[in-house]
Each structure stands twice: as structure tokens, then as C-alpha cells.
Amino acid sequence: MKYLKKYESLEEPEVGDYVLMKSEANKKVANLINQTIGRINKLIQPYFDSRVGIEVKYDFPRSVLKNLRIDNTRVFDRDQIVAFGKTKKELELKKQANKYNL
């Protein structure tokens, strides 16, 4: 039987995947991040901890960045992932399904 590499990492997000994260920052920043789809920029392996950190890049407009004083990239823990997908459209469908409890 042939090994299908395509199905190798169904449960693990990779660099370049789109993600929806759960943030516990201040209220305005948390609402913005919880509703915005970002893209994984890189996976960070800490030296002293076994957990993997994820650097996510967002496409916020400059006015939002200036008003909230945040950066386009943020680092999250792995357990803060709500959903992830290979394409933005796939992730938007998951987001809609969660919204209506489907």
C-alpha cells in the first residue's frame, strides 16, 4: 500500500495555514483578534518548554495598528487555536459553521 503524504498532517497546523485564534488581551484587541483570520508566519520551539509557540501575521490596516498600538504579528500558544485551514475560504466556512452551531 502506498503512503499518501497528503494526509500526513491533518491535525497539525503548518506554516502558511490560515488560523483563527482566541486572545485574552485587553477587550478591544481581543475582539479584533478573535474575529480576524491570520496566517501562520512561523512555528517557535522554545528551549526550556515542550510547548510550541505560533507566530501569526495579520493584515490590519495602518489606522487600526496606530489606534490600538499593536503589531501585525503576534505570538500565541498552541492551545489558543480555535480553527485552522489550508485556505482562507475553508476557514471562513468553519467560522460560519461554529457561529450557527452546525
Protein backbone atom coordinates (compact mmCIF):
# COMPACT_ATOMS: atom_id res chain seq x y z
CA MET A 1 0.00 0.00 0.00
CA LYS A 2 1.33 3.43 -0.93
CA TYR A 3 1.92 6.09 1.65
CA LEU A 4 -0.10 9.23 0.99
CA LYS A 5 1.86 12.25 2.15
CA LYS A 6 -1.19 14.44 1.54
CA TYR A 7 -2.90 13.06 4.66
CA GLU A 8 0.15 13.14 6.87
CA SER A 9 -0.69 16.20 8.95
CA LEU A 10 -4.44 16.58 9.23
CA GLU A 11 -4.35 17.52 12.91
CA GLU A 12 -1.29 19.78 12.91
CA PRO A 13 -1.22 23.37 11.60
CA GLU A 14 1.75 24.21 9.40
CA VAL A 15 3.49 27.37 8.26
CA GLY A 16 1.31 29.14 5.71
CA ASP A 17 -2.01 27.85 7.09
CA TYR A 18 -4.79 30.26 7.97
CA VAL A 19 -5.83 30.33 11.64
CA LEU A 20 -8.46 31.77 13.89
CA MET A 21 -7.04 32.43 17.35
CA LYS A 22 -8.50 33.09 20.79
CA SER A 23 -6.92 36.03 22.55
CA GLU A 24 -7.15 37.12 26.16
CA ALA A 25 -5.57 40.55 25.76
CA ASN A 26 -7.46 43.73 26.60
CA LYS A 27 -11.05 43.87 25.37
CA LYS A 28 -10.59 45.84 22.12
CA VAL A 29 -7.56 43.85 20.96
CA ALA A 30 -9.16 40.53 21.95
CA ASN A 31 -12.33 41.28 19.96
CA LEU A 32 -10.28 42.22 16.91
CA ILE A 33 -8.09 39.11 17.05
CA ASN A 34 -10.95 36.72 17.83
CA GLN A 35 -12.80 37.85 14.69
CA THR A 36 -9.87 38.17 12.26
CA ILE A 37 -8.28 35.38 10.26
CA GLY A 38 -4.48 35.36 10.35
CA ARG A 39 -1.76 33.33 8.68
CA ILE A 40 0.93 31.29 10.44
CA ASN A 41 4.25 33.01 9.85
CA LYS A 42 6.48 30.55 11.75
CA LEU A 43 6.45 27.92 14.46
CA ILE A 44 8.56 28.73 17.50
CA GLN A 45 10.11 25.92 19.56
CA PRO A 46 11.12 27.20 22.98
CA TYR A 47 14.33 25.89 24.52
CA PHE A 48 13.10 25.12 28.02
CA ASP A 49 9.44 24.26 27.39
CA SER A 50 7.97 21.47 25.30
CA ARG A 51 5.06 23.58 24.01
CA VAL A 52 5.26 25.10 20.55
CA GLY A 53 4.53 28.78 20.06
CA ILE A 54 2.93 30.07 16.88
CA GLU A 55 3.67 33.44 15.27
CA VAL A 56 0.61 34.68 13.39
CA LYS A 57 0.63 37.54 10.90
CA TYR A 58 -2.49 39.65 10.40
CA ASP A 59 -3.35 42.14 7.66
CA PHE A 60 -4.63 45.01 9.81
CA PRO A 61 -4.97 48.48 8.27
CA ARG A 62 -2.50 51.11 9.46
CA SER A 63 -5.26 53.10 11.18
CA VAL A 64 -6.14 50.11 13.40
CA LEU A 65 -2.48 49.48 14.22
CA LYS A 66 -2.00 53.12 15.16
CA ASN A 67 -5.17 53.39 17.28
CA LEU A 68 -4.64 50.17 19.23
CA ARG A 69 -0.81 50.35 19.22
CA ILE A 70 -0.31 46.74 18.17
CA ASP A 71 1.87 44.95 15.61
CA ASN A 72 0.86 42.88 12.59
CA THR A 73 2.50 39.79 14.08
CA ARG A 74 1.56 38.19 17.39
CA VAL A 75 2.82 35.09 19.21
CA PHE A 76 0.30 32.63 20.64
CA ASP A 77 0.37 29.31 22.47
CA ARG A 78 -0.80 26.26 20.60
CA ASP A 79 -3.87 25.81 22.78
CA GLN A 80 -5.24 29.20 21.67
CA ILE A 81 -6.09 27.89 18.18
CA VAL A 82 -9.83 27.89 17.56
CA ALA A 83 -9.70 26.61 13.95
CA PHE A 84 -7.24 26.33 11.10
CA GLY A 85 -7.34 25.52 7.39
CA LYS A 86 -5.23 25.43 4.27
CA THR A 87 -7.29 28.12 2.51
CA LYS A 88 -8.99 31.24 3.77
CA LYS A 89 -12.31 30.13 2.27
CA GLU A 90 -12.17 26.82 4.14
CA LEU A 91 -11.58 28.64 7.42
CA GLU A 92 -14.42 31.08 6.76
CA LEU A 93 -16.77 28.11 6.27
CA LYS A 94 -15.63 26.64 9.62
CA LYS A 95 -16.16 30.03 11.24
CA GLN A 96 -19.73 30.25 9.86
CA ALA A 97 -20.48 26.68 10.96
CA ASN A 98 -19.33 27.46 14.51
CA LYS A 99 -21.40 30.64 14.52
CA TYR A 100 -24.61 28.77 13.77
CA ASN A 101 -23.66 25.63 15.76
CA LEU A 102 -23.66 23.33 12.73
